[in-house]
Amino acid sequence: MGSQAIQAIADYHNDVERSLRLYFSDVSPSFSVRFLGLRPEEILTELTARLEETDQRSAFFILTLVEAAFRIDYECRCKRRMKDELSRAFRAIWKSRETRVSLEEDIFEAWRDHSTGHGR
């Protein structure tokens, strides 16, 4: 998972957020047509909902990148036949399930049980 990918998601998120705020403001060229008959609080409610959807979408993209990084690490450790405890645990999982592993039950559990990092 590269920092460039995360930065691209952050840039996209910020662009969409700024675009939505502009679109929902009275300086937008289509504002008077798009929001005709709506009260200001209704417009704000709709903007808030769109911003929340954008936040969730960006969070899902980042979670997808994190999951991909863990799965790629899992496969690399298995294929390279690394000798550390975590890699050995991954190979044991690989023997029974190969790529059909659970992120939480297999990969994260192996990290928790065999990594040399802090438990938190």
Protein backbone atom coordinates (compact mmCIF):
# COMPACT_ATOMS: atom_id res chain seq x y z
CA MET A 1 0.00 0.00 0.00
CA GLY A 2 1.78 3.07 -1.17
CA SER A 3 1.49 6.52 0.26
CA GLN A 4 0.81 7.71 -3.30
CA ALA A 5 -2.40 5.67 -3.41
CA ILE A 6 -3.56 7.07 -0.09
CA GLN A 7 -2.64 10.58 -1.19
CA ALA A 8 -4.61 10.08 -4.42
CA ILE A 9 -7.67 9.04 -2.40
CA ALA A 10 -7.24 12.06 -0.11
CA ASP A 11 -6.89 14.41 -3.08
CA TYR A 12 -9.95 12.92 -4.76
CA HIS A 13 -11.93 13.13 -1.51
CA ASN A 14 -11.00 16.80 -1.03
CA ASP A 15 -11.85 17.62 -4.67
CA VAL A 16 -15.28 15.99 -4.35
CA GLU A 17 -15.96 17.70 -1.03
CA ARG A 18 -15.06 21.13 -2.42
CA SER A 19 -17.13 20.44 -5.54
CA LEU A 20 -20.16 19.48 -3.49
CA ARG A 21 -19.86 22.54 -1.29
CA LEU A 22 -19.66 24.76 -4.38
CA TYR A 23 -22.53 22.97 -6.11
CA PHE A 24 -24.76 23.37 -3.04
CA SER A 25 -23.90 27.08 -2.64
CA ASP A 26 -25.81 29.97 -4.14
CA VAL A 27 -22.80 30.92 -6.31
CA SER A 28 -23.27 27.74 -8.35
CA PRO A 29 -24.68 28.52 -11.82
CA SER A 30 -27.31 25.78 -11.50
CA PHE A 31 -28.26 26.53 -7.88
CA SER A 32 -31.51 28.39 -8.61
CA VAL A 33 -32.77 25.63 -10.92
CA ARG A 34 -31.51 22.61 -8.97
CA PHE A 35 -32.74 23.77 -5.56
CA LEU A 36 -35.87 25.64 -6.64
CA GLY A 37 -38.49 25.52 -3.89
CA LEU A 38 -36.21 24.02 -1.24
CA ARG A 39 -35.69 25.70 2.10
CA PRO A 40 -32.08 26.39 3.20
CA GLU A 41 -32.24 23.68 5.86
CA GLU A 42 -33.37 21.14 3.24
CA ILE A 43 -30.43 22.08 1.04
CA LEU A 44 -28.07 21.75 4.01
CA THR A 45 -29.53 18.35 4.89
CA GLU A 46 -28.94 17.11 1.35
CA LEU A 47 -25.39 18.50 1.32
CA THR A 48 -24.64 16.86 4.66
CA ALA A 49 -25.90 13.50 3.37
CA ARG A 50 -23.72 13.77 0.24
CA LEU A 51 -20.66 14.68 2.32
CA GLU A 52 -21.27 11.71 4.62
CA GLU A 53 -21.55 9.40 1.60
CA THR A 54 -18.27 10.79 0.30
CA ASP A 55 -16.60 10.21 3.68
CA GLN A 56 -17.82 6.61 3.75
CA ARG A 57 -16.71 5.97 0.16
CA SER A 58 -13.23 7.28 0.89
CA ALA A 59 -13.01 5.21 4.07
CA PHE A 60 -13.98 2.06 2.13
CA PHE A 61 -11.29 2.77 -0.49
CA ILE A 62 -8.65 3.10 2.22
CA LEU A 63 -9.85 -0.06 3.99
CA THR A 64 -9.66 -1.89 0.65
CA LEU A 65 -6.05 -0.76 0.24
CA VAL A 66 -5.17 -1.91 3.74
CA GLU A 67 -6.79 -5.30 3.18
CA ALA A 68 -4.98 -5.69 -0.14
CA ALA A 69 -1.64 -4.90 1.53
CA PHE A 70 -2.19 -7.60 4.17
CA ARG A 71 -3.27 -10.16 1.57
CA ILE A 72 -0.30 -9.38 -0.67
CA ASP A 73 2.04 -9.68 2.30
CA TYR A 74 0.44 -13.04 3.14
CA GLU A 75 0.99 -14.41 -0.37
CA CYS A 76 4.54 -13.03 -0.64
CA ARG A 77 5.56 -14.56 2.69
CA CYS A 78 4.13 -17.92 1.60
CA LYS A 79 5.71 -17.92 -1.86
CA ARG A 80 9.12 -16.65 -0.75
CA ARG A 81 9.21 -19.27 2.00
CA MET A 82 10.53 -16.79 4.53
CA LYS A 83 11.77 -18.33 7.79
CA ASP A 84 10.26 -16.04 10.43
CA GLU A 85 7.45 -17.28 12.69
CA LEU A 86 4.76 -15.26 10.97
CA SER A 87 5.71 -16.61 7.55
CA ARG A 88 5.68 -20.16 8.89
CA ALA A 89 2.22 -19.59 10.33
CA PHE A 90 1.06 -18.21 6.98
CA ARG A 91 2.42 -21.27 5.15
CA ALA A 92 0.48 -23.53 7.51
CA ILE A 93 -2.67 -21.62 6.61
CA TRP A 94 -1.72 -21.75 2.91
CA LYS A 95 -1.50 -25.55 3.01
CA SER A 96 -5.14 -25.83 3.96
CA ARG A 97 -6.76 -22.81 2.28
CA GLU A 98 -4.25 -21.16 -0.10
CA THR A 99 -5.78 -17.81 -1.12
CA ARG A 100 -9.21 -18.49 0.42
CA VAL A 101 -8.19 -17.06 3.79
CA SER A 102 -10.10 -14.84 6.13
CA LEU A 103 -8.47 -11.50 6.76
CA GLU A 104 -9.65 -11.33 10.37
CA GLU A 105 -9.64 -14.99 11.41
CA ASP A 106 -6.48 -16.10 9.62
CA ILE A 107 -4.22 -13.23 8.63
CA PHE A 108 -4.85 -10.85 11.54
CA GLU A 109 -4.84 -13.70 14.04
CA ALA A 110 -1.48 -14.93 12.73
CA TRP A 111 -0.10 -11.38 12.94
CA ARG A 112 -1.33 -11.08 16.50
CA ASP A 113 0.10 -14.45 17.54
CA HIS A 114 3.43 -14.34 15.69
CA SER A 115 4.51 -10.77 15.06
CA THR A 116 7.27 -9.20 17.07
CA GLY A 117 5.47 -5.87 17.29
CA HIS A 118 3.44 -4.53 20.16
CA GLY A 119 0.05 -6.21 20.68
CA ARG A 120 -1.82 -2.97 20.16
